[in-house]
Amino acid sequence: MASPNDDTRKPTLQQRRGATSLWRLVERAIEQEIRIGTWIPGDRLPTEFELAARFDVHRNTVRHALSSLRARNVLRIEQGRGTFVKERMVRHHIGPTSRLTAVLRDIHRVGERRFLTSSRVRAESALGRDLQLDRSHFTRKVDTLTMVDGLAIAVASSYFPLPRFEGIEHIIVETGSFTEAWRRYGVDIYKRQETRISAIALSKPDAELLGLPRRQPIIEVTNINVDADGTPIVLSRMRVAPQHMELVVKFD
């Protein structure tokens, strides 16, 4: 066993300090652990008290280090939950032909659309207006979960006009692609007609799917896609986990 005076012992932060501020050494130590994978995106860090005890420093020193890492977008804080390693955000450019699957492919991220459930829904009120259907018509509602690198980043409810797209849910299950599903119905060209972005309260089912606290607001992106003739082919309401995705609207 090494004695207290044994020079082979691993030096403490205090001993390594030199001219460097102690909080900066704590910052570097945490960042290095993130870099080598000790902490991965989405992981919750130990509390300030636990980190202070581990590094044998004052809690304010840890707080200063964490604050600097948050300012540099290495960490994020969730009120009442703790400090987390910031996830790699997906920058989704919203445009007439942009698709999330193409965005993920271009930035070499592994994306997957998982089918959750399907139901027949009457085209009433706002839904009927957006899809240009009267209330005597029905739609096929398809709920899906978007995964990126194994993390759930969005839940979507998509409404397809019936009877035009009768059975489309089976093709979505088979292919995982809306584009391929539309192609089988003869829709080879489509574009986004309208996008609406708003903040909404998080429902319990969505909170469980996305692993978020109920009290956290969430972004809802409502899209209307139309075919080459301008006829709506889907209305989708996508609830996005804000720590995973950044929405970008560009004006050309």
Protein backbone atom coordinates (compact mmCIF):
# COMPACT_ATOMS: atom_id res chain seq x y z
CA MET A 1 0.00 0.00 0.00
CA ALA A 2 1.32 3.43 -0.93
CA SER A 3 2.17 5.73 1.94
CA PRO A 4 0.82 9.32 2.08
CA ASN A 5 4.30 10.51 1.06
CA ASP A 6 4.62 8.11 -1.87
CA ASP A 7 5.28 10.24 -5.00
CA THR A 8 3.73 7.50 -7.19
CA ARG A 9 0.22 8.33 -5.94
CA LYS A 10 -2.14 9.91 -8.50
CA PRO A 11 -2.05 13.67 -7.81
CA THR A 12 -5.21 15.33 -6.65
CA LEU A 13 -6.71 18.34 -8.42
CA GLN A 14 -5.37 20.51 -5.64
CA GLN A 15 -1.84 19.20 -6.26
CA ARG A 16 -2.12 19.60 -10.03
CA ARG A 17 -3.58 23.06 -9.78
CA GLY A 18 -0.50 25.18 -10.42
CA ALA A 19 -1.57 28.45 -12.04
CA THR A 20 -4.88 27.01 -13.32
CA SER A 21 -8.13 27.85 -11.55
CA LEU A 22 -9.49 24.85 -9.66
CA TRP A 23 -12.93 25.09 -11.30
CA ARG A 24 -11.23 24.92 -14.69
CA LEU A 25 -9.57 21.63 -13.74
CA VAL A 26 -12.94 20.22 -12.70
CA GLU A 27 -14.40 21.42 -16.00
CA ARG A 28 -11.64 19.74 -17.98
CA ALA A 29 -11.97 16.49 -16.02
CA ILE A 30 -15.74 16.27 -16.66
CA GLU A 31 -15.33 17.18 -20.32
CA GLN A 32 -12.65 14.54 -20.76
CA GLU A 33 -14.93 11.89 -19.28
CA ILE A 34 -17.66 12.92 -21.74
CA ARG A 35 -15.16 12.73 -24.60
CA ILE A 36 -14.05 9.18 -23.76
CA GLY A 37 -17.62 7.97 -23.18
CA THR A 38 -17.78 7.73 -19.40
CA TRP A 39 -20.82 9.98 -19.74
CA ILE A 40 -22.78 9.76 -23.00
CA PRO A 41 -25.38 12.18 -24.45
CA GLY A 42 -28.52 12.11 -22.33
CA ASP A 43 -26.79 10.83 -19.18
CA ARG A 44 -27.50 12.63 -15.93
CA LEU A 45 -24.41 13.74 -14.04
CA PRO A 46 -23.99 13.24 -10.30
CA THR A 47 -25.21 16.08 -8.09
CA GLU A 48 -23.02 19.07 -7.22
CA PHE A 49 -22.52 17.60 -3.74
CA GLU A 50 -21.41 14.25 -5.17
CA LEU A 51 -19.02 15.86 -7.65
CA ALA A 52 -17.60 18.14 -4.95
CA ALA A 53 -16.90 15.11 -2.75
CA ARG A 54 -15.37 13.18 -5.62
CA PHE A 55 -13.02 15.98 -6.67
CA ASP A 56 -12.44 17.09 -3.06
CA VAL A 57 -13.42 20.68 -3.82
CA HIS A 58 -16.04 23.15 -2.64
CA ARG A 59 -19.52 22.91 -4.13
CA ASN A 60 -19.14 26.42 -5.61
CA THR A 61 -16.12 25.22 -7.56
CA VAL A 62 -18.22 22.45 -9.13
CA ARG A 63 -21.06 24.88 -9.81
CA HIS A 64 -18.68 27.20 -11.65
CA ALA A 65 -17.36 24.32 -13.76
CA LEU A 66 -20.86 23.07 -14.65
CA SER A 67 -21.98 26.59 -15.48
CA SER A 68 -19.10 26.97 -17.93
CA LEU A 69 -19.91 23.62 -19.57
CA ARG A 70 -23.57 24.61 -19.91
CA ALA A 71 -22.55 27.93 -21.49
CA ARG A 72 -20.50 25.97 -24.02
CA ASN A 73 -23.44 23.66 -24.83
CA VAL A 74 -21.69 20.60 -23.40
CA LEU A 75 -24.32 20.18 -20.67
CA ARG A 76 -27.97 21.11 -20.22
CA ILE A 77 -30.06 21.55 -17.09
CA GLU A 78 -33.60 20.37 -16.43
CA GLN A 79 -35.22 22.17 -13.53
CA GLY A 80 -35.92 19.72 -10.74
CA ARG A 81 -34.21 16.81 -12.53
CA GLY A 82 -30.52 17.68 -12.70
CA THR A 83 -27.70 18.28 -15.16
CA PHE A 84 -27.41 16.18 -18.31
CA VAL A 85 -24.85 15.66 -21.05
CA LYS A 86 -26.28 17.52 -24.01
CA GLU A 87 -27.54 15.38 -26.84
CA ARG A 88 -26.35 15.75 -30.42
CA MET A 89 -29.11 17.83 -31.90
CA VAL A 90 -30.65 17.15 -35.30
CA ARG A 91 -30.94 20.37 -37.34
CA HIS A 92 -34.12 19.87 -39.34
CA HIS A 93 -34.52 22.41 -42.13
CA ILE A 94 -38.19 23.04 -42.85
CA GLY A 95 -38.90 23.57 -46.54
CA PRO A 96 -41.32 22.52 -49.28
CA THR A 97 -39.48 19.27 -50.03
CA SER A 98 -37.34 18.65 -46.93
CA ARG A 99 -37.67 15.28 -45.20
CA LEU A 100 -36.29 14.29 -41.81
CA THR A 101 -35.09 10.93 -43.11
CA ALA A 102 -32.96 12.70 -45.75
CA VAL A 103 -31.57 15.08 -43.12
CA LEU A 104 -30.47 12.16 -40.94
CA ARG A 105 -28.87 10.39 -43.88
CA ASP A 106 -26.93 13.51 -44.87
CA ILE A 107 -25.45 13.97 -41.37
CA HIS A 108 -24.75 10.24 -40.96
CA ARG A 109 -27.22 9.67 -38.15
CA VAL A 110 -29.18 6.43 -37.81
CA GLY A 111 -32.89 7.23 -38.03
CA GLU A 112 -35.89 4.94 -37.78
CA ARG A 113 -39.64 5.49 -37.92
CA ARG A 114 -41.47 3.02 -35.69
CA PHE A 115 -45.16 2.29 -36.14
CA LEU A 116 -47.13 2.63 -32.90
CA THR A 117 -50.84 2.36 -33.66
CA SER A 118 -53.55 3.15 -36.20
CA SER A 119 -57.20 4.18 -36.05
CA ARG A 120 -60.04 5.48 -38.23
CA VAL A 121 -60.87 9.12 -37.44
CA ARG A 122 -63.69 11.30 -38.80
CA ALA A 123 -62.53 14.45 -40.62
CA GLU A 124 -64.22 16.94 -38.34
CA SER A 125 -63.58 20.65 -37.66
CA ALA A 126 -59.96 21.75 -38.16
CA LEU A 127 -58.83 18.34 -39.46
CA GLY A 128 -61.43 18.35 -42.21
CA ARG A 129 -60.65 21.96 -43.11
CA ASP A 130 -56.91 21.32 -43.42
CA LEU A 131 -57.42 18.19 -45.53
CA GLN A 132 -60.23 19.77 -47.57
CA LEU A 133 -62.69 17.09 -46.51
CA ASP A 134 -66.23 17.42 -45.19
CA ARG A 135 -67.27 15.73 -41.96
CA SER A 136 -68.80 12.77 -43.82
CA HIS A 137 -65.28 11.62 -44.71
CA PHE A 138 -62.83 9.67 -42.57
CA THR A 139 -59.05 9.65 -42.28
CA ARG A 140 -56.57 6.97 -41.31
CA LYS A 141 -54.60 8.15 -38.28
CA VAL A 142 -51.15 6.58 -37.99
CA ASP A 143 -49.04 7.20 -34.86
CA THR A 144 -45.29 6.79 -35.22
CA LEU A 145 -42.17 7.24 -33.11
CA THR A 146 -38.98 8.66 -34.64
CA MET A 147 -35.77 7.22 -33.23
CA VAL A 148 -32.29 8.66 -33.86
CA ASP A 149 -29.23 6.71 -32.75
CA GLY A 150 -31.48 4.70 -30.45
CA LEU A 151 -33.09 7.75 -28.80
CA ALA A 152 -36.75 8.75 -29.12
CA ILE A 153 -36.85 12.30 -30.49
CA ALA A 154 -40.39 12.77 -31.83
CA VAL A 155 -43.91 11.33 -31.76
CA ALA A 156 -46.19 12.01 -34.72
CA SER A 157 -49.87 11.55 -35.52
CA SER A 158 -50.45 11.55 -39.29
CA TYR A 159 -53.90 11.71 -40.90
CA PHE A 160 -54.34 10.30 -44.42
CA PRO A 161 -57.57 10.99 -46.37
CA LEU A 162 -59.86 8.02 -46.97
CA PRO A 163 -60.84 6.24 -49.13
CA ARG A 164 -57.89 7.42 -51.25
CA PHE A 165 -55.26 5.91 -48.94
CA GLU A 166 -57.21 2.94 -47.60
CA GLY A 167 -54.74 0.42 -46.16
CA ILE A 168 -51.76 2.79 -46.14
CA GLU A 169 -50.95 1.84 -42.56
CA HIS A 170 -49.93 -1.66 -43.70
CA ILE A 171 -47.42 -0.25 -46.20
CA ILE A 172 -46.00 2.09 -43.53
CA VAL A 173 -45.51 -0.89 -41.21
CA GLU A 174 -43.83 -2.80 -44.04
CA THR A 175 -41.53 -0.04 -45.32
CA GLY A 176 -41.30 2.52 -42.50
CA SER A 177 -41.59 5.18 -45.21
CA PHE A 178 -44.41 7.59 -46.04
CA THR A 179 -42.76 8.38 -49.39
CA GLU A 180 -42.78 4.73 -50.45
CA ALA A 181 -46.36 4.34 -49.22
CA TRP A 182 -47.54 7.29 -51.32
CA ARG A 183 -45.63 5.98 -54.32
CA ARG A 184 -47.66 2.79 -54.21
CA TYR A 185 -50.81 4.92 -54.43
CA GLY A 186 -49.48 6.75 -57.48
CA VAL A 187 -48.18 9.85 -55.67
CA ASP A 188 -44.63 10.28 -56.95
CA ILE A 189 -44.35 14.03 -56.38
CA TYR A 190 -45.42 15.89 -53.29
CA LYS A 191 -44.46 19.00 -51.34
CA ARG A 192 -45.14 20.70 -48.04
CA GLN A 193 -47.87 23.29 -48.35
CA GLU A 194 -47.89 24.59 -44.81
CA THR A 195 -46.03 24.24 -41.49
CA ARG A 196 -47.28 25.52 -38.14
CA ILE A 197 -45.05 25.52 -35.05
CA SER A 198 -46.37 25.91 -31.51
CA ALA A 199 -45.61 24.99 -27.89
CA ILE A 200 -48.04 22.62 -26.19
CA ALA A 201 -48.40 20.75 -22.91
CA LEU A 202 -46.92 17.27 -22.92
CA SER A 203 -49.43 14.41 -22.66
CA LYS A 204 -48.75 11.45 -20.41
CA PRO A 205 -48.36 8.94 -23.30
CA ASP A 206 -45.95 11.25 -25.15
CA ALA A 207 -43.98 11.91 -21.96
CA GLU A 208 -43.50 8.18 -21.47
CA LEU A 209 -42.47 7.60 -25.09
CA LEU A 210 -39.99 10.49 -25.13
CA GLY A 211 -38.74 10.03 -21.57
CA LEU A 212 -39.61 13.61 -20.58
CA PRO A 213 -41.23 15.07 -17.46
CA ARG A 214 -44.91 15.99 -17.86
CA ARG A 215 -44.30 19.60 -16.80
CA GLN A 216 -41.91 20.24 -19.70
CA PRO A 217 -43.47 22.08 -22.68
CA ILE A 218 -42.93 20.47 -26.04
CA ILE A 219 -42.78 21.71 -29.62
CA GLU A 220 -45.58 20.66 -31.95
CA VAL A 221 -44.94 20.91 -35.70
CA THR A 222 -48.06 20.61 -37.86
CA ASN A 223 -47.37 19.87 -41.54
CA ILE A 224 -49.73 19.66 -44.51
CA ASN A 225 -48.36 17.89 -47.59
CA VAL A 226 -50.04 18.07 -51.01
CA ASP A 227 -49.66 16.14 -54.26
CA ALA A 228 -48.75 17.61 -57.67
CA ASP A 229 -52.34 18.84 -58.11
CA GLY A 230 -52.32 20.65 -54.75
CA THR A 231 -54.62 18.12 -53.05
CA PRO A 232 -53.75 17.40 -49.41
CA ILE A 233 -52.36 13.90 -48.88
CA VAL A 234 -51.57 14.10 -45.17
CA LEU A 235 -51.77 16.30 -42.10
CA SER A 236 -49.17 15.40 -39.49
CA ARG A 237 -48.76 16.67 -35.95
CA MET A 238 -45.23 15.94 -34.75
CA ARG A 239 -44.32 16.48 -31.09
CA VAL A 240 -40.59 17.13 -30.88
CA ALA A 241 -38.31 16.67 -27.87
CA PRO A 242 -36.60 20.10 -27.86
CA GLN A 243 -33.28 18.81 -26.52
CA HIS A 244 -32.91 16.53 -29.56
CA MET A 245 -33.99 18.64 -32.52
CA GLU A 246 -33.47 22.17 -33.76
CA LEU A 247 -35.98 23.42 -36.34
CA VAL A 248 -34.52 25.70 -38.99
CA VAL A 249 -36.67 27.83 -41.31
CA LYS A 250 -34.72 29.36 -44.19
CA PHE A 251 -35.92 32.17 -46.44
CA ASP A 252 -34.46 32.08 -49.95
